[in-house]
């Protein structure tokens, strides 16, 4: 029996696109990496909204998938900003490669945490397709202000009176 690898390919493709968009905390503006996510979310018909920080600049995206039955909400949280590249000459590949070589996704953010962000988007898309069966709901926070130490996306989410309060993260 052949396995359907489309979901895996979708996750790796989005993660690669995120890695190719530099989002180094304190160096790169968050709007471009959030734009990559918005394109991915829109491609799956997922509802999302931007969250803004104290300076009214975008700091995160929030996806909320409401189930058709009562129950608790759960949250997944991934940062989409990264640490700086450091000495780029010390890298054995470009920090913004975003490619797969020998079965490994390469580039800053592959492990922390652009791959997780792409996976969480895919989980939300899968759940959105069967939301009527779900009890409660799922919130996905994609934070572009974590590596600064300011946790701008988490703070904006907690301050948002319209955001659902999850039972757990």
N, C-alpha and C. Protein backbone atom coordinates (compact mmCIF):
# COMPACT_ATOMS: atom_id res chain seq x y z
N UNK A 1 0.84 -1.17 0.00
CA UNK A 1 0.00 0.00 0.00
C UNK A 1 0.90 1.25 0.00
N UNK A 2 0.66 2.15 -0.92
CA UNK A 2 1.45 3.38 -1.03
C UNK A 2 0.96 4.40 0.00
N UNK A 3 1.91 5.07 0.61
CA UNK A 3 1.58 6.11 1.59
C UNK A 3 1.40 7.44 0.88
N UNK A 4 0.44 8.22 1.36
CA UNK A 4 0.23 9.57 0.84
C UNK A 4 1.20 10.50 1.54
N UNK A 5 2.20 10.96 0.80
CA UNK A 5 3.22 11.83 1.38
C UNK A 5 2.91 13.32 1.21
N UNK A 6 1.75 13.64 0.64
CA UNK A 6 1.40 15.04 0.41
C UNK A 6 1.41 15.86 1.70
N UNK A 7 0.86 15.36 2.82
CA UNK A 7 0.91 16.18 4.04
C UNK A 7 2.35 16.45 4.50
N UNK A 8 3.20 15.46 4.41
CA UNK A 8 4.60 15.64 4.80
C UNK A 8 5.29 16.63 3.87
N UNK A 9 5.05 16.49 2.59
CA UNK A 9 5.63 17.41 1.60
C UNK A 9 5.16 18.84 1.86
N UNK A 10 3.88 18.98 2.19
CA UNK A 10 3.31 20.30 2.49
C UNK A 10 4.03 20.95 3.67
N UNK A 11 4.28 20.17 4.72
CA UNK A 11 4.96 20.68 5.91
C UNK A 11 6.39 21.09 5.57
N UNK A 12 7.12 20.23 4.87
CA UNK A 12 8.51 20.53 4.54
C UNK A 12 8.60 21.72 3.59
N UNK A 13 7.68 21.81 2.64
CA UNK A 13 7.69 22.95 1.71
C UNK A 13 7.47 24.27 2.45
N UNK A 14 6.50 24.30 3.36
CA UNK A 14 6.25 25.53 4.11
C UNK A 14 7.43 25.85 5.02
N UNK A 15 7.97 24.84 5.70
CA UNK A 15 9.13 25.06 6.58
C UNK A 15 10.30 25.61 5.77
N UNK A 16 10.55 25.05 4.59
CA UNK A 16 11.64 25.55 3.74
C UNK A 16 11.43 27.00 3.34
N UNK A 17 10.19 27.35 2.99
CA UNK A 17 9.88 28.74 2.63
C UNK A 17 10.11 29.67 3.82
N UNK A 18 9.75 29.21 5.02
CA UNK A 18 9.97 30.02 6.22
C UNK A 18 11.46 30.21 6.49
N UNK A 19 12.24 29.15 6.32
CA UNK A 19 13.69 29.24 6.55
C UNK A 19 14.34 30.18 5.54
N UNK A 20 13.85 30.16 4.31
CA UNK A 20 14.42 31.05 3.28
C UNK A 20 14.08 32.52 3.52
N UNK A 21 13.14 32.79 4.43
CA UNK A 21 12.78 34.16 4.77
C UNK A 21 13.45 34.49 6.10
N UNK A 22 14.58 35.20 6.09
CA UNK A 22 15.26 35.52 7.36
C UNK A 22 14.33 36.26 8.32
N UNK A 23 14.39 35.84 9.57
CA UNK A 23 13.58 36.47 10.61
C UNK A 23 14.36 36.49 11.92
N UNK A 24 15.60 36.96 11.79
CA UNK A 24 16.49 37.02 12.96
C UNK A 24 15.99 38.09 13.93
N UNK A 25 15.80 37.68 15.17
CA UNK A 25 15.28 38.57 16.20
C UNK A 25 16.14 39.82 16.32
N UNK A 26 15.48 40.97 16.26
CA UNK A 26 16.18 42.24 16.40
C UNK A 26 16.86 42.72 15.14
N UNK A 27 16.90 41.89 14.09
CA UNK A 27 17.57 42.26 12.84
C UNK A 27 16.60 42.36 11.66
N UNK A 28 15.70 41.43 11.56
CA UNK A 28 14.77 41.37 10.42
C UNK A 28 13.35 41.71 10.88
N UNK A 29 12.64 42.45 10.06
CA UNK A 29 11.24 42.77 10.37
C UNK A 29 10.42 41.48 10.33
N UNK A 30 9.43 41.36 11.20
CA UNK A 30 8.63 40.13 11.23
C UNK A 30 7.60 39.99 10.11
N UNK A 31 7.19 41.10 9.50
CA UNK A 31 6.11 41.05 8.51
C UNK A 31 6.40 40.08 7.35
N UNK A 32 7.61 40.03 6.79
CA UNK A 32 7.83 39.10 5.67
C UNK A 32 7.65 37.62 6.04
N UNK A 33 8.14 37.18 7.18
CA UNK A 33 7.97 35.77 7.55
C UNK A 33 6.51 35.50 7.89
N UNK A 34 5.82 36.46 8.48
CA UNK A 34 4.39 36.29 8.73
C UNK A 34 3.62 36.21 7.42
N UNK A 35 4.09 36.94 6.41
CA UNK A 35 3.46 36.87 5.08
C UNK A 35 3.57 35.49 4.46
N UNK A 36 4.71 34.83 4.65
CA UNK A 36 4.87 33.45 4.15
C UNK A 36 3.83 32.55 4.83
N UNK A 37 3.68 32.70 6.13
CA UNK A 37 2.68 31.91 6.86
C UNK A 37 1.26 32.23 6.39
N UNK A 38 0.99 33.51 6.18
CA UNK A 38 -0.35 33.89 5.72
C UNK A 38 -0.67 33.24 4.38
N UNK A 39 0.29 33.19 3.48
CA UNK A 39 0.08 32.52 2.19
C UNK A 39 -0.23 31.04 2.40
N UNK A 40 0.53 30.40 3.29
CA UNK A 40 0.31 28.99 3.57
C UNK A 40 -1.05 28.73 4.20
N UNK A 41 -1.43 29.57 5.15
CA UNK A 41 -2.73 29.41 5.81
C UNK A 41 -3.88 29.65 4.84
N UNK A 42 -3.75 30.69 4.03
CA UNK A 42 -4.80 31.00 3.06
C UNK A 42 -4.95 29.87 2.04
N UNK A 43 -3.83 29.23 1.68
CA UNK A 43 -3.88 28.11 0.75
C UNK A 43 -4.68 26.93 1.27
N UNK A 44 -4.82 26.85 2.58
CA UNK A 44 -5.62 25.79 3.21
C UNK A 44 -6.99 26.30 3.66
N UNK A 45 -7.29 27.56 3.35
CA UNK A 45 -8.58 28.12 3.76
C UNK A 45 -8.73 28.28 5.25
N UNK A 46 -7.60 28.44 5.95
CA UNK A 46 -7.63 28.58 7.40
C UNK A 46 -7.84 30.04 7.82
N UNK A 47 -8.75 30.27 8.76
CA UNK A 47 -8.90 31.63 9.28
C UNK A 47 -7.74 31.96 10.21
N UNK A 48 -7.27 33.17 10.11
CA UNK A 48 -6.18 33.63 10.97
C UNK A 48 -6.32 35.13 11.12
N UNK A 49 -5.61 35.65 12.09
CA UNK A 49 -5.52 37.11 12.21
C UNK A 49 -4.15 37.47 12.75
N UNK A 50 -3.72 38.66 12.36
CA UNK A 50 -2.45 39.19 12.86
C UNK A 50 -2.66 39.77 14.24
N UNK A 51 -1.65 39.58 15.06
CA UNK A 51 -1.63 40.22 16.37
C UNK A 51 -0.53 41.26 16.35
N UNK A 52 -0.75 42.36 17.04
CA UNK A 52 0.17 43.49 17.00
C UNK A 52 0.73 43.77 18.39
N UNK A 53 1.97 44.24 18.40
CA UNK A 53 2.65 44.58 19.64
C UNK A 53 2.39 46.00 20.06
N UNK A 54 3.14 46.43 21.06
CA UNK A 54 2.97 47.77 21.63
C UNK A 54 3.19 48.87 20.60
N UNK A 55 4.06 48.64 19.62
CA UNK A 55 4.35 49.67 18.62
C UNK A 55 3.44 49.55 17.40
N UNK A 56 2.41 48.72 17.51
CA UNK A 56 1.45 48.48 16.43
C UNK A 56 2.08 47.78 15.24
N UNK A 57 3.22 47.13 15.45
CA UNK A 57 3.82 46.33 14.39
C UNK A 57 3.38 44.87 14.60
N UNK A 58 3.26 44.10 13.50
CA UNK A 58 2.81 42.72 13.65
C UNK A 58 3.83 41.88 14.41
N UNK A 59 3.35 41.03 15.32
CA UNK A 59 4.23 40.19 16.12
C UNK A 59 3.85 38.71 16.06
N UNK A 60 2.67 38.40 15.51
CA UNK A 60 2.24 37.00 15.50
C UNK A 60 1.02 36.82 14.60
N UNK A 61 0.74 35.56 14.33
CA UNK A 61 -0.52 35.17 13.71
C UNK A 61 -1.22 34.23 14.69
N UNK A 62 -2.53 34.33 14.73
CA UNK A 62 -3.33 33.45 15.56
C UNK A 62 -4.35 32.75 14.69
N UNK A 63 -4.34 31.43 14.73
CA UNK A 63 -5.29 30.60 14.01
C UNK A 63 -6.19 29.96 15.07
N UNK A 64 -7.49 30.01 14.86
CA UNK A 64 -8.42 29.38 15.79
C UNK A 64 -9.37 28.48 15.01
N UNK A 65 -9.37 27.20 15.35
CA UNK A 65 -10.25 26.21 14.72
C UNK A 65 -11.25 25.78 15.79
N UNK A 66 -12.48 26.22 15.63
CA UNK A 66 -13.52 25.90 16.59
C UNK A 66 -14.16 24.57 16.24
N UNK A 67 -14.29 23.71 17.25
CA UNK A 67 -14.98 22.45 17.06
C UNK A 67 -16.48 22.65 17.07
N UNK A 68 -17.18 21.65 16.57
CA UNK A 68 -18.64 21.72 16.51
C UNK A 68 -19.33 21.29 17.78
N UNK A 69 -18.55 20.86 18.77
CA UNK A 69 -19.12 20.37 20.03
C UNK A 69 -18.44 21.07 21.20
N UNK A 70 -19.13 21.20 22.31
CA UNK A 70 -18.51 21.84 23.47
C UNK A 70 -17.29 21.05 23.97
N UNK A 71 -16.35 21.77 24.53
CA UNK A 71 -15.18 21.13 25.09
C UNK A 71 -14.05 22.13 25.27
N UNK A 72 -12.94 21.69 25.84
CA UNK A 72 -11.82 22.59 26.09
C UNK A 72 -11.08 22.94 24.80
N UNK A 73 -10.46 24.09 24.84
CA UNK A 73 -9.58 24.52 23.76
C UNK A 73 -8.15 24.19 24.15
N UNK A 74 -7.35 23.85 23.15
CA UNK A 74 -5.93 23.58 23.35
C UNK A 74 -5.15 24.49 22.43
N UNK A 75 -3.92 24.79 22.78
CA UNK A 75 -3.10 25.70 21.97
C UNK A 75 -1.77 25.05 21.62
N UNK A 76 -1.32 25.34 20.41
CA UNK A 76 0.03 25.02 19.96
C UNK A 76 0.72 26.35 19.71
N UNK A 77 1.97 26.45 20.13
CA UNK A 77 2.71 27.71 20.02
C UNK A 77 4.09 27.42 19.44
N UNK A 78 4.42 28.12 18.38
CA UNK A 78 5.75 27.99 17.79
C UNK A 78 6.26 29.37 17.44
N UNK A 79 7.55 29.58 17.65
CA UNK A 79 8.14 30.86 17.26
C UNK A 79 8.60 30.76 15.80
N UNK A 80 8.51 31.88 15.11
CA UNK A 80 8.96 31.93 13.72
C UNK A 80 10.09 32.95 13.54
N UNK A 81 10.51 33.56 14.63
CA UNK A 81 11.74 34.34 14.57
C UNK A 81 12.87 33.41 15.01
N UNK A 82 14.09 33.79 14.70
CA UNK A 82 15.23 32.93 15.01
C UNK A 82 16.32 33.73 15.72
N UNK A 83 17.28 33.00 16.21
CA UNK A 83 18.50 33.61 16.71
C UNK A 83 19.29 34.15 15.50
N UNK A 84 20.20 35.08 15.70
CA UNK A 84 21.04 35.54 14.60
C UNK A 84 21.88 34.38 14.03
N UNK A 85 22.42 34.58 12.85
CA UNK A 85 23.22 33.54 12.19
C UNK A 85 24.60 33.37 12.80
N UNK A 86 25.08 34.40 13.47
CA UNK A 86 26.45 34.33 13.97
C UNK A 86 27.43 34.46 12.81
N UNK A 87 28.56 33.83 12.91
CA UNK A 87 29.59 33.88 11.87
C UNK A 87 29.15 33.01 10.70
N UNK A 88 28.67 33.64 9.64
CA UNK A 88 28.16 32.90 8.50
C UNK A 88 29.23 32.08 7.79
N UNK A 89 30.49 32.46 7.94
CA UNK A 89 31.56 31.67 7.32
C UNK A 89 31.77 30.34 8.04
N UNK A 90 31.25 30.23 9.25
CA UNK A 90 31.37 28.98 10.00
C UNK A 90 30.30 27.96 9.60
N UNK A 91 29.31 28.41 8.86
CA UNK A 91 28.26 27.50 8.41
C UNK A 91 28.76 26.66 7.23
N UNK A 92 28.36 25.40 7.16
CA UNK A 92 28.73 24.55 6.02
C UNK A 92 27.72 24.66 4.89
N UNK A 93 26.66 25.44 5.08
CA UNK A 93 25.64 25.73 4.07
C UNK A 93 25.06 27.10 4.42
N UNK A 94 24.37 27.75 3.50
CA UNK A 94 23.80 29.06 3.82
C UNK A 94 22.76 28.96 4.94
N UNK A 95 22.78 29.87 5.91
CA UNK A 95 21.82 29.82 7.01
C UNK A 95 20.36 29.89 6.56
N UNK A 96 20.11 30.50 5.41
CA UNK A 96 18.74 30.60 4.88
C UNK A 96 18.53 29.62 3.73
N UNK A 97 19.19 28.46 3.78
CA UNK A 97 19.10 27.48 2.68
C UNK A 97 17.66 27.02 2.48
N UNK A 98 17.04 26.49 3.51
CA UNK A 98 15.67 26.02 3.40
C UNK A 98 15.50 24.86 2.45
N UNK A 99 16.55 24.09 2.23
CA UNK A 99 16.48 22.95 1.32
C UNK A 99 16.63 21.65 2.10
N UNK A 100 16.39 20.54 1.42
CA UNK A 100 16.54 19.22 2.02
C UNK A 100 17.71 18.53 1.33
N UNK A 101 18.69 18.12 2.11
CA UNK A 101 19.85 17.40 1.61
C UNK A 101 20.04 16.16 2.48
N UNK A 102 20.15 15.03 1.81
CA UNK A 102 20.31 13.75 2.52
C UNK A 102 19.22 13.55 3.58
N UNK A 103 18.00 13.95 3.24
CA UNK A 103 16.87 13.75 4.14
C UNK A 103 16.79 14.71 5.30
N UNK A 104 17.61 15.77 5.28
CA UNK A 104 17.61 16.74 6.38
C UNK A 104 17.28 18.14 5.86
N UNK A 105 16.37 18.79 6.57
CA UNK A 105 16.03 20.18 6.27
C UNK A 105 17.11 21.06 6.86
N UNK A 106 17.66 21.95 6.02
CA UNK A 106 18.81 22.75 6.46
C UNK A 106 18.45 24.23 6.56
N UNK A 107 19.01 24.86 7.57
CA UNK A 107 18.89 26.30 7.73
C UNK A 107 18.45 26.69 9.12
N UNK A 108 18.72 27.97 9.45
CA UNK A 108 18.35 28.51 10.76
C UNK A 108 16.83 28.46 10.89
N UNK A 109 16.38 27.85 11.95
CA UNK A 109 14.96 27.72 12.21
C UNK A 109 14.41 26.34 11.90
N UNK A 110 15.24 25.48 11.30
CA UNK A 110 14.75 24.13 10.98
C UNK A 110 14.39 23.37 12.26
N UNK A 111 15.16 23.55 13.30
CA UNK A 111 14.88 22.86 14.55
C UNK A 111 14.13 23.75 15.54
N UNK A 112 14.33 25.05 15.46
CA UNK A 112 13.74 25.97 16.43
C UNK A 112 13.29 27.23 15.70
N UNK A 113 12.13 27.29 15.24
CA UNK A 113 11.03 26.36 15.36
C UNK A 113 10.13 26.50 14.15
N UNK A 114 10.75 26.83 13.01
CA UNK A 114 9.96 27.02 11.79
C UNK A 114 9.36 25.71 11.30
N UNK A 115 10.04 24.61 11.53
CA UNK A 115 9.46 23.31 11.17
C UNK A 115 8.23 23.04 12.01
N UNK A 116 8.29 23.33 13.30
CA UNK A 116 7.13 23.15 14.17
C UNK A 116 5.98 24.05 13.73
N UNK A 117 6.27 25.29 13.35
CA UNK A 117 5.23 26.20 12.88
C UNK A 117 4.53 25.62 11.66
N UNK A 118 5.31 25.09 10.72
CA UNK A 118 4.72 24.49 9.52
C UNK A 118 3.87 23.27 9.87
N UNK A 119 4.36 22.46 10.79
CA UNK A 119 3.61 21.28 11.23
C UNK A 119 2.31 21.69 11.93
N UNK A 120 2.36 22.71 12.77
CA UNK A 120 1.17 23.16 13.47
C UNK A 120 0.13 23.71 12.48
N UNK A 121 0.59 24.37 11.42
CA UNK A 121 -0.33 24.85 10.39
C UNK A 121 -1.03 23.67 9.72
N UNK A 122 -0.27 22.63 9.45
CA UNK A 122 -0.85 21.43 8.81
C UNK A 122 -1.85 20.75 9.75
N UNK A 123 -1.53 20.66 11.03
CA UNK A 123 -2.46 20.08 12.00
C UNK A 123 -3.76 20.88 12.01
N UNK A 124 -3.65 22.20 12.03
CA UNK A 124 -4.84 23.05 12.02
C UNK A 124 -5.66 22.81 10.75
N UNK A 125 -5.00 22.67 9.61
CA UNK A 125 -5.71 22.43 8.35
C UNK A 125 -6.45 21.08 8.40
N UNK A 126 -5.79 20.07 8.95
CA UNK A 126 -6.42 18.76 9.06
C UNK A 126 -7.66 18.84 9.98
N UNK A 127 -7.52 19.53 11.09
CA UNK A 127 -8.64 19.64 12.02
C UNK A 127 -9.76 20.51 11.47
N UNK A 128 -9.42 21.54 10.73
CA UNK A 128 -10.43 22.41 10.13
C UNK A 128 -11.34 21.60 9.22
N UNK A 129 -10.75 20.61 8.54
CA UNK A 129 -11.52 19.79 7.61
C UNK A 129 -12.53 18.88 8.29
N UNK A 130 -12.39 18.69 9.57
CA UNK A 130 -13.36 17.87 10.31
C UNK A 130 -13.76 18.53 11.63
N UNK A 131 -13.86 19.84 11.60
CA UNK A 131 -14.15 20.62 12.80
C UNK A 131 -15.47 20.24 13.45
N UNK A 132 -16.46 19.86 12.66
CA UNK A 132 -17.76 19.51 13.24
C UNK A 132 -17.67 18.35 14.22
N UNK A 133 -16.69 17.48 14.05
CA UNK A 133 -16.52 16.31 14.92
C UNK A 133 -15.78 16.65 16.22
N UNK A 134 -15.12 17.79 16.26
CA UNK A 134 -14.24 18.11 17.38
C UNK A 134 -14.99 18.66 18.58
N UNK A 135 -14.49 18.30 19.75
CA UNK A 135 -14.96 18.88 21.00
C UNK A 135 -13.98 19.99 21.37
N UNK A 136 -14.47 21.21 21.58
CA UNK A 136 -13.60 22.33 21.93
C UNK A 136 -12.99 22.95 20.69
N UNK A 137 -11.69 23.17 20.75
CA UNK A 137 -11.04 23.79 19.60
C UNK A 137 -9.54 23.82 19.75
N UNK A 138 -8.91 24.33 18.71
CA UNK A 138 -7.45 24.44 18.68
C UNK A 138 -7.07 25.86 18.30
N UNK A 139 -6.17 26.45 19.08
CA UNK A 139 -5.56 27.74 18.74
C UNK A 139 -4.10 27.47 18.40
N UNK A 140 -3.64 28.08 17.32
CA UNK A 140 -2.23 27.99 16.92
C UNK A 140 -1.67 29.39 16.94
N UNK A 141 -0.68 29.61 17.79
CA UNK A 141 0.00 30.91 17.88
C UNK A 141 1.35 30.79 17.19
N UNK A 142 1.58 31.64 16.22
CA UNK A 142 2.83 31.67 15.46
C UNK A 142 3.51 33.00 15.80
N UNK A 143 4.44 32.93 16.74
CA UNK A 143 5.02 34.10 17.40
C UNK A 143 6.31 34.54 16.71
N UNK A 144 6.33 35.78 16.25
CA UNK A 144 7.52 36.34 15.60
C UNK A 144 8.32 37.21 16.56
N UNK A 145 8.06 37.10 17.85
CA UNK A 145 8.77 37.92 18.82
C UNK A 145 9.25 37.14 20.02
N UNK A 146 9.65 35.90 19.83
CA UNK A 146 10.07 35.08 20.95
C UNK A 146 11.57 35.19 21.22
N UNK A 147 12.37 35.15 20.17
CA UNK A 147 13.82 35.16 20.35
C UNK A 147 14.37 36.51 20.82
N UNK A 148 13.54 37.53 20.79
CA UNK A 148 13.97 38.83 21.33
C UNK A 148 13.95 38.79 22.86
N UNK A 149 13.24 37.81 23.41
CA UNK A 149 13.04 37.75 24.85
C UNK A 149 11.81 38.52 25.28
N UNK A 150 11.19 39.22 24.34
CA UNK A 150 9.99 39.99 24.67
C UNK A 150 8.70 39.21 24.55
N UNK A 151 8.74 38.07 23.86
CA UNK A 151 7.56 37.22 23.68
C UNK A 151 6.36 38.03 23.21
N UNK A 152 6.60 38.84 22.16
CA UNK A 152 5.58 39.76 21.67
C UNK A 152 4.29 39.09 21.25
N UNK A 153 4.38 37.95 20.57
CA UNK A 153 3.18 37.26 20.13
C UNK A 153 2.38 36.70 21.29
N UNK A 154 3.06 36.08 22.23
CA UNK A 154 2.37 35.52 23.40
C UNK A 154 1.73 36.63 24.21
N UNK A 155 2.43 37.74 24.39
CA UNK A 155 1.87 38.86 25.13
C UNK A 155 0.65 39.44 24.42
N UNK A 156 0.74 39.58 23.09
CA UNK A 156 -0.38 40.12 22.32
C UNK A 156 -1.58 39.19 22.38
N UNK A 157 -1.33 37.89 22.35
CA UNK A 157 -2.41 36.91 22.43
C UNK A 157 -3.10 36.98 23.80
N UNK A 158 -2.31 37.04 24.84
CA UNK A 158 -2.87 37.10 26.19
C UNK A 158 -3.64 38.39 26.44
N UNK A 159 -3.22 39.46 25.77
CA UNK A 159 -3.89 40.75 25.94
C UNK A 159 -5.13 40.89 25.06
N UNK A 160 -5.30 40.00 24.09
CA UNK A 160 -6.41 40.08 23.14
C UNK A 160 -7.69 39.57 23.79
N UNK A 161 -8.68 40.44 23.98
CA UNK A 161 -9.91 40.00 24.64
C UNK A 161 -10.71 39.02 23.79
N UNK A 162 -10.47 38.95 22.49
CA UNK A 162 -11.20 38.04 21.62
C UNK A 162 -10.55 36.67 21.50
N UNK A 163 -9.31 36.53 21.97
CA UNK A 163 -8.63 35.24 21.86
C UNK A 163 -9.20 34.25 22.88
N UNK A 164 -9.40 33.04 22.43
CA UNK A 164 -9.91 31.97 23.30
C UNK A 164 -8.83 31.62 24.32
N UNK A 165 -9.22 31.36 25.54
CA UNK A 165 -8.28 30.95 26.59
C UNK A 165 -8.21 29.44 26.61
N UNK A 166 -7.05 28.88 26.29
CA UNK A 166 -6.94 27.41 26.22
C UNK A 166 -6.85 26.75 27.59
N UNK A 167 -7.22 25.49 27.62
CA UNK A 167 -7.08 24.69 28.83
C UNK A 167 -5.62 24.28 29.02
N UNK A 168 -4.87 24.26 27.94
CA UNK A 168 -3.47 23.89 28.01
C UNK A 168 -2.75 24.26 26.72
N UNK A 169 -1.43 24.40 26.84
CA UNK A 169 -0.60 24.78 25.70
C UNK A 169 0.43 23.69 25.49
